[in-house]
């Protein structure tokens, strides 16, 4: 009968320390984002800033340059 009981396991016990560090870093960055973006406008500004830092370009600016 003992082998029919379910064992509860925490994901924290199953992942590596490096994976757990990455998860914690993501959570900290997400909390920081949520704290800074209290409105949709603020969230949009932060998202655009992050996108530009990661190499994304504003499509309207590219179109404008190619039309001139």
PDB file of N, CA and C in Angstrom:
ATOM      1  N   UNK A   1       0.814  -1.191   0.000  1.00  0.00           N
ATOM      2  CA  UNK A   1       0.000   0.000   0.000  1.00  0.00           C
ATOM      3  C   UNK A   1       0.863   1.263   0.000  1.00  0.00           C
ATOM      4  N   UNK A   2       2.054   1.227   0.573  1.00  0.00           N
ATOM      5  CA  UNK A   2       2.934   2.387   0.629  1.00  0.00           C
ATOM      6  C   UNK A   2       3.363   2.843  -0.766  1.00  0.00           C
ATOM      7  N   UNK A   3       3.502   1.916  -1.697  1.00  0.00           N
ATOM      8  CA  UNK A   3       3.975   2.307  -3.026  1.00  0.00           C
ATOM      9  C   UNK A   3       2.896   3.028  -3.845  1.00  0.00           C
ATOM     10  N   UNK A   4       1.671   3.099  -3.348  1.00  0.00           N
ATOM     11  CA  UNK A   4       0.601   3.802  -4.041  1.00  0.00           C
ATOM     12  C   UNK A   4       0.504   5.266  -3.627  1.00  0.00           C
ATOM     13  N   UNK A   5       1.215   5.636  -2.608  1.00  0.00           N
ATOM     14  CA  UNK A   5       1.165   7.023  -2.159  1.00  0.00           C
ATOM     15  C   UNK A   5       2.045   7.904  -3.041  1.00  0.00           C
ATOM     16  N   UNK A   6       1.551   9.067  -3.286  1.00  0.00           N
ATOM     17  CA  UNK A   6       2.270  10.018  -4.129  1.00  0.00           C
ATOM     18  C   UNK A   6       3.345  10.737  -3.322  1.00  0.00           C
ATOM     19  N   UNK A   7       4.514  10.889  -3.910  1.00  0.00           N
ATOM     20  CA  UNK A   7       5.579  11.649  -3.283  1.00  0.00           C
ATOM     21  C   UNK A   7       5.555  13.063  -3.842  1.00  0.00           C
ATOM     22  N   UNK A   8       5.443  14.023  -2.967  1.00  0.00           N
ATOM     23  CA  UNK A   8       5.507  15.419  -3.391  1.00  0.00           C
ATOM     24  C   UNK A   8       6.964  15.842  -3.480  1.00  0.00           C
ATOM     25  N   UNK A   9       7.336  16.421  -4.628  1.00  0.00           N
ATOM     26  CA  UNK A   9       8.695  16.896  -4.817  1.00  0.00           C
ATOM     27  C   UNK A   9       8.652  18.367  -5.218  1.00  0.00           C
ATOM     28  N   UNK A  10       9.602  19.106  -4.708  1.00  0.00           N
ATOM     29  CA  UNK A  10       9.745  20.499  -5.096  1.00  0.00           C
ATOM     30  C   UNK A  10      10.664  20.581  -6.307  1.00  0.00           C
ATOM     31  N   UNK A  11      10.327  21.448  -7.249  1.00  0.00           N
ATOM     32  CA  UNK A  11      11.185  21.633  -8.411  1.00  0.00           C
ATOM     33  C   UNK A  11      12.573  22.103  -7.991  1.00  0.00           C
ATOM     34  N   UNK A  12      12.634  22.828  -6.881  1.00  0.00           N
ATOM     35  CA  UNK A  12      13.917  23.326  -6.387  1.00  0.00           C
ATOM     36  C   UNK A  12      14.876  22.191  -6.039  1.00  0.00           C
ATOM     37  N   UNK A  13      14.321  21.044  -5.695  1.00  0.00           N
ATOM     38  CA  UNK A  13      15.154  19.888  -5.362  1.00  0.00           C
ATOM     39  C   UNK A  13      15.623  19.147  -6.608  1.00  0.00           C
ATOM     40  N   UNK A  14      15.024  19.448  -7.756  1.00  0.00           N
ATOM     41  CA  UNK A  14      15.312  18.693  -8.973  1.00  0.00           C
ATOM     42  C   UNK A  14      16.227  19.421  -9.954  1.00  0.00           C
ATOM     43  N   UNK A  15      16.337  20.750  -9.850  1.00  0.00           N
ATOM     44  CA  UNK A  15      17.138  21.506 -10.813  1.00  0.00           C
ATOM     45  C   UNK A  15      18.525  21.800 -10.257  1.00  0.00           C
ATOM     46  N   UNK A  16      19.441  22.084 -11.166  1.00  0.00           N
ATOM     47  CA  UNK A  16      20.818  22.383 -10.770  1.00  0.00           C
ATOM     48  C   UNK A  16      20.911  23.780 -10.158  1.00  0.00           C
ATOM     49  N   UNK A  17      22.004  24.016  -9.482  1.00  0.00           N
ATOM     50  CA  UNK A  17      22.222  25.334  -8.869  1.00  0.00           C
ATOM     51  C   UNK A  17      22.319  26.424  -9.924  1.00  0.00           C
ATOM     52  N   UNK A  18      22.962  26.138 -11.060  1.00  0.00           N
ATOM     53  CA  UNK A  18      23.087  27.149 -12.112  1.00  0.00           C
ATOM     54  C   UNK A  18      21.717  27.488 -12.707  1.00  0.00           C
ATOM     55  N   UNK A  19      20.863  26.490 -12.846  1.00  0.00           N
ATOM     56  CA  UNK A  19      19.509  26.732 -13.342  1.00  0.00           C
ATOM     57  C   UNK A  19      18.735  27.574 -12.337  1.00  0.00           C
ATOM     58  N   UNK A  20      18.881  27.281 -11.088  1.00  0.00           N
ATOM     59  CA  UNK A  20      18.194  28.032 -10.040  1.00  0.00           C
ATOM     60  C   UNK A  20      18.669  29.483 -10.006  1.00  0.00           C
ATOM     61  N   UNK A  21      19.961  29.706 -10.241  1.00  0.00           N
ATOM     62  CA  UNK A  21      20.485  31.070 -10.294  1.00  0.00           C
ATOM     63  C   UNK A  21      19.861  31.839 -11.453  1.00  0.00           C
ATOM     64  N   UNK A  22      19.718  31.184 -12.611  1.00  0.00           N
ATOM     65  CA  UNK A  22      19.109  31.827 -13.775  1.00  0.00           C
ATOM     66  C   UNK A  22      17.644  32.174 -13.498  1.00  0.00           C
ATOM     67  N   UNK A  23      16.945  31.286 -12.841  1.00  0.00           N
ATOM     68  CA  UNK A  23      15.544  31.529 -12.502  1.00  0.00           C
ATOM     69  C   UNK A  23      15.436  32.714 -11.553  1.00  0.00           C
ATOM     70  N   UNK A  24      16.295  32.750 -10.544  1.00  0.00           N
ATOM     71  CA  UNK A  24      16.266  33.857  -9.585  1.00  0.00           C
ATOM     72  C   UNK A  24      16.613  35.182 -10.250  1.00  0.00           C
ATOM     73  N   UNK A  25      17.582  35.180 -11.171  1.00  0.00           N
ATOM     74  CA  UNK A  25      17.945  36.397 -11.894  1.00  0.00           C
ATOM     75  C   UNK A  25      16.763  36.881 -12.728  1.00  0.00           C
ATOM     76  N   UNK A  26      16.100  35.969 -13.428  1.00  0.00           N
ATOM     77  CA  UNK A  26      14.923  36.331 -14.216  1.00  0.00           C
ATOM     78  C   UNK A  26      13.851  36.947 -13.325  1.00  0.00           C
ATOM     79  N   UNK A  27      13.598  36.321 -12.194  1.00  0.00           N
ATOM     80  CA  UNK A  27      12.571  36.822 -11.271  1.00  0.00           C
ATOM     81  C   UNK A  27      12.914  38.208 -10.745  1.00  0.00           C
ATOM     82  N   UNK A  28      14.178  38.416 -10.401  1.00  0.00           N
ATOM     83  CA  UNK A  28      14.600  39.729  -9.909  1.00  0.00           C
ATOM     84  C   UNK A  28      14.431  40.801 -10.984  1.00  0.00           C
ATOM     85  N   UNK A  29      14.812  40.468 -12.234  1.00  0.00           N
ATOM     86  CA  UNK A  29      14.655  41.428 -13.326  1.00  0.00           C
ATOM     87  C   UNK A  29      13.177  41.704 -13.594  1.00  0.00           C
ATOM     88  N   UNK A  30      12.348  40.682 -13.504  1.00  0.00           N
ATOM     89  CA  UNK A  30      10.914  40.852 -13.732  1.00  0.00           C
ATOM     90  C   UNK A  30      10.296  41.731 -12.641  1.00  0.00           C
ATOM     91  N   UNK A  31      10.681  41.505 -11.381  1.00  0.00           N
ATOM     92  CA  UNK A  31      10.168  42.340 -10.290  1.00  0.00           C
ATOM     93  C   UNK A  31      10.587  43.793 -10.483  1.00  0.00           C
ATOM     94  N   UNK A  32      11.819  44.005 -10.933  1.00  0.00           N
ATOM     95  CA  UNK A  32      12.304  45.350 -11.193  1.00  0.00           C
ATOM     96  C   UNK A  32      11.482  46.007 -12.307  1.00  0.00           C
ATOM     97  N   UNK A  33      11.195  45.255 -13.358  1.00  0.00           N
ATOM     98  CA  UNK A  33      10.376  45.765 -14.457  1.00  0.00           C
ATOM     99  C   UNK A  33       8.985  46.144 -13.962  1.00  0.00           C
ATOM    100  N   UNK A  34       8.359  45.276 -13.193  1.00  0.00           N
ATOM    101  CA  UNK A  34       7.013  45.535 -12.677  1.00  0.00           C
ATOM    102  C   UNK A  34       7.002  46.773 -11.777  1.00  0.00           C
ATOM    103  N   UNK A  35       8.041  46.920 -10.947  1.00  0.00           N
ATOM    104  CA  UNK A  35       8.110  48.083 -10.051  1.00  0.00           C
ATOM    105  C   UNK A  35       8.282  49.392 -10.815  1.00  0.00           C
ATOM    106  N   UNK A  36       9.010  49.351 -11.935  1.00  0.00           N
ATOM    107  CA  UNK A  36       9.274  50.569 -12.699  1.00  0.00           C
ATOM    108  C   UNK A  36       8.142  50.914 -13.661  1.00  0.00           C
ATOM    109  N   UNK A  37       7.353  49.949 -14.057  1.00  0.00           N
ATOM    110  CA  UNK A  37       6.329  50.201 -15.082  1.00  0.00           C
ATOM    111  C   UNK A  37       4.934  50.144 -14.472  1.00  0.00           C
ATOM    112  N   UNK A  38       4.586  51.216 -13.832  1.00  0.00           N
ATOM    113  CA  UNK A  38       3.279  51.294 -13.159  1.00  0.00           C
ATOM    114  C   UNK A  38       2.146  51.590 -14.129  1.00  0.00           C
ATOM    115  N   UNK A  39       2.483  52.129 -15.302  1.00  0.00           N
ATOM    116  CA  UNK A  39       1.453  52.426 -16.300  1.00  0.00           C
ATOM    117  C   UNK A  39       1.842  51.752 -17.613  1.00  0.00           C
ATOM    118  N   UNK A  40       0.893  51.670 -18.551  1.00  0.00           N
ATOM    119  CA  UNK A  40       1.194  51.089 -19.858  1.00  0.00           C
ATOM    120  C   UNK A  40       2.253  51.909 -20.583  1.00  0.00           C
ATOM    121  N   UNK A  41       2.196  53.216 -20.444  1.00  0.00           N
ATOM    122  CA  UNK A  41       3.177  54.090 -21.097  1.00  0.00           C
ATOM    123  C   UNK A  41       4.583  53.796 -20.588  1.00  0.00           C
ATOM    124  N   UNK A  42       4.725  53.684 -19.273  1.00  0.00           N
ATOM    125  CA  UNK A  42       6.037  53.381 -18.692  1.00  0.00           C
ATOM    126  C   UNK A  42       6.509  52.000 -19.121  1.00  0.00           C
ATOM    127  N   UNK A  43       5.608  51.043 -19.158  1.00  0.00           N
ATOM    128  CA  UNK A  43       5.976  49.696 -19.593  1.00  0.00           C
ATOM    129  C   UNK A  43       6.444  49.709 -21.041  1.00  0.00           C
ATOM    130  N   UNK A  44       5.740  50.439 -21.903  1.00  0.00           N
ATOM    131  CA  UNK A  44       6.115  50.517 -23.313  1.00  0.00           C
ATOM    132  C   UNK A  44       7.499  51.142 -23.469  1.00  0.00           C
ATOM    133  N   UNK A  45       7.774  52.201 -22.724  1.00  0.00           N
ATOM    134  CA  UNK A  45       9.088  52.849 -22.795  1.00  0.00           C
ATOM    135  C   UNK A  45      10.202  51.892 -22.390  1.00  0.00           C
ATOM    136  N   UNK A  46       9.984  51.137 -21.335  1.00  0.00           N
ATOM    137  CA  UNK A  46      10.991  50.186 -20.864  1.00  0.00           C
ATOM    138  C   UNK A  46      11.182  49.061 -21.877  1.00  0.00           C
ATOM    139  N   UNK A  47      10.092  48.549 -22.420  1.00  0.00           N
ATOM    140  CA  UNK A  47      10.172  47.461 -23.398  1.00  0.00           C
ATOM    141  C   UNK A  47      10.915  47.917 -24.646  1.00  0.00           C
ATOM    142  N   UNK A  48      10.622  49.127 -25.126  1.00  0.00           N
ATOM    143  CA  UNK A  48      11.310  49.659 -26.304  1.00  0.00           C
ATOM    144  C   UNK A  48      12.801  49.819 -26.014  1.00  0.00           C
ATOM    145  N   UNK A  49      13.128  50.318 -24.840  1.00  0.00           N
ATOM    146  CA  UNK A  49      14.530  50.487 -24.445  1.00  0.00           C
ATOM    147  C   UNK A  49      15.269  49.147 -24.418  1.00  0.00           C
ATOM    148  N   UNK A  50      14.648  48.149 -23.845  1.00  0.00           N
ATOM    149  CA  UNK A  50      15.259  46.811 -23.777  1.00  0.00           C
ATOM    150  C   UNK A  50      15.433  46.237 -25.180  1.00  0.00           C
ATOM    151  N   UNK A  51      14.414  46.409 -26.017  1.00  0.00           N
ATOM    152  CA  UNK A  51      14.493  45.894 -27.390  1.00  0.00           C
ATOM    153  C   UNK A  51      15.641  46.556 -28.152  1.00  0.00           C
ATOM    154  N   UNK A  52      15.778  47.879 -28.035  1.00  0.00           N
ATOM    155  CA  UNK A  52      16.859  48.582 -28.729  1.00  0.00           C
ATOM    156  C   UNK A  52      18.226  48.135 -28.230  1.00  0.00           C
ATOM    157  N   UNK A  53      18.351  47.902 -26.924  1.00  0.00           N
ATOM    158  CA  UNK A  53      19.620  47.423 -26.367  1.00  0.00           C
ATOM    159  C   UNK A  53      19.985  46.048 -26.913  1.00  0.00           C
ATOM    160  N   UNK A  54      18.977  45.282 -27.318  1.00  0.00           N
ATOM    161  CA  UNK A  54      19.206  43.934 -27.842  1.00  0.00           C
ATOM    162  C   UNK A  54      19.216  43.880 -29.367  1.00  0.00           C
ATOM    163  N   UNK A  55      19.368  45.044 -30.007  1.00  0.00           N
ATOM    164  CA  UNK A  55      19.564  45.076 -31.445  1.00  0.00           C
ATOM    165  C   UNK A  55      18.324  45.283 -32.299  1.00  0.00           C
ATOM    166  N   UNK A  56      17.170  45.415 -31.704  1.00  0.00           N
ATOM    167  CA  UNK A  56      15.966  45.669 -32.493  1.00  0.00           C
ATOM    168  C   UNK A  56      15.977  47.112 -32.972  1.00  0.00           C
ATOM    169  N   UNK A  57      15.381  47.329 -34.154  1.00  0.00           N
ATOM    170  CA  UNK A  57      15.331  48.671 -34.718  1.00  0.00           C
ATOM    171  C   UNK A  57      13.886  49.082 -34.915  1.00  0.00           C
ATOM    172  N   UNK A  58      13.656  50.377 -34.832  1.00  0.00           N
ATOM    173  CA  UNK A  58      12.321  50.934 -35.014  1.00  0.00           C
ATOM    174  C   UNK A  58      11.967  50.872 -36.498  1.00  0.00           C
ATOM    175  N   UNK A  59      10.961  50.112 -36.851  1.00  0.00           N
ATOM    176  CA  UNK A  59      10.576  49.916 -38.242  1.00  0.00           C
ATOM    177  C   UNK A  59      10.181  51.226 -38.910  1.00  0.00           C
ATOM    178  N   UNK A  60       9.492  52.099 -38.185  1.00  0.00           N
ATOM    179  CA  UNK A  60       9.080  53.376 -38.783  1.00  0.00           C
ATOM    180  C   UNK A  60      10.295  54.230 -39.154  1.00  0.00           C
ATOM    181  N   UNK A  61      11.362  54.169 -38.362  1.00  0.00           N
ATOM    182  CA  UNK A  61      12.579  54.913 -38.687  1.00  0.00           C
ATOM    183  C   UNK A  61      13.264  54.329 -39.913  1.00  0.00           C
ATOM    184  N   UNK A  62      13.274  53.020 -40.035  1.00  0.00           N
ATOM    185  CA  UNK A  62      13.887  52.371 -41.194  1.00  0.00           C
ATOM    186  C   UNK A  62      13.114  52.707 -42.462  1.00  0.00           C
ATOM    187  N   UNK A  63      11.802  52.668 -42.404  1.00  0.00           N
ATOM    188  CA  UNK A  63      10.972  52.996 -43.565  1.00  0.00           C
ATOM    189  C   UNK A  63      11.189  54.453 -43.965  1.00  0.00           C
ATOM    190  N   UNK A  64      11.236  55.342 -42.965  1.00  0.00           N
ATOM    191  CA  UNK A  64      11.415  56.767 -43.225  1.00  0.00           C
ATOM    192  C   UNK A  64      12.758  57.011 -43.931  1.00  0.00           C
ATOM    193  N   UNK A  65      13.827  56.356 -43.487  1.00  0.00           N
ATOM    194  CA  UNK A  65      15.157  56.522 -44.106  1.00  0.00           C
ATOM    195  C   UNK A  65      15.162  56.014 -45.538  1.00  0.00           C
ATOM    196  N   UNK A  66      14.483  54.913 -45.790  1.00  0.00           N
ATOM    197  CA  UNK A  66      14.476  54.331 -47.138  1.00  0.00           C
ATOM    198  C   UNK A  66      13.613  55.130 -48.103  1.00  0.00           C
ATOM    199  N   UNK A  67      12.642  55.891 -47.604  1.00  0.00           N
ATOM    200  CA  UNK A  67      11.787  56.694 -48.469  1.00  0.00           C
ATOM    201  C   UNK A  67      12.450  58.006 -48.860  1.00  0.00           C
ATOM    202  N   UNK A  68      13.417  58.458 -48.086  1.00  0.00           N
ATOM    203  CA  UNK A  68      14.083  59.748 -48.372  1.00  0.00           C
ATOM    204  C   UNK A  68      15.272  59.566 -49.261  1.00  0.00           C
TER     205      UNK A  68
END
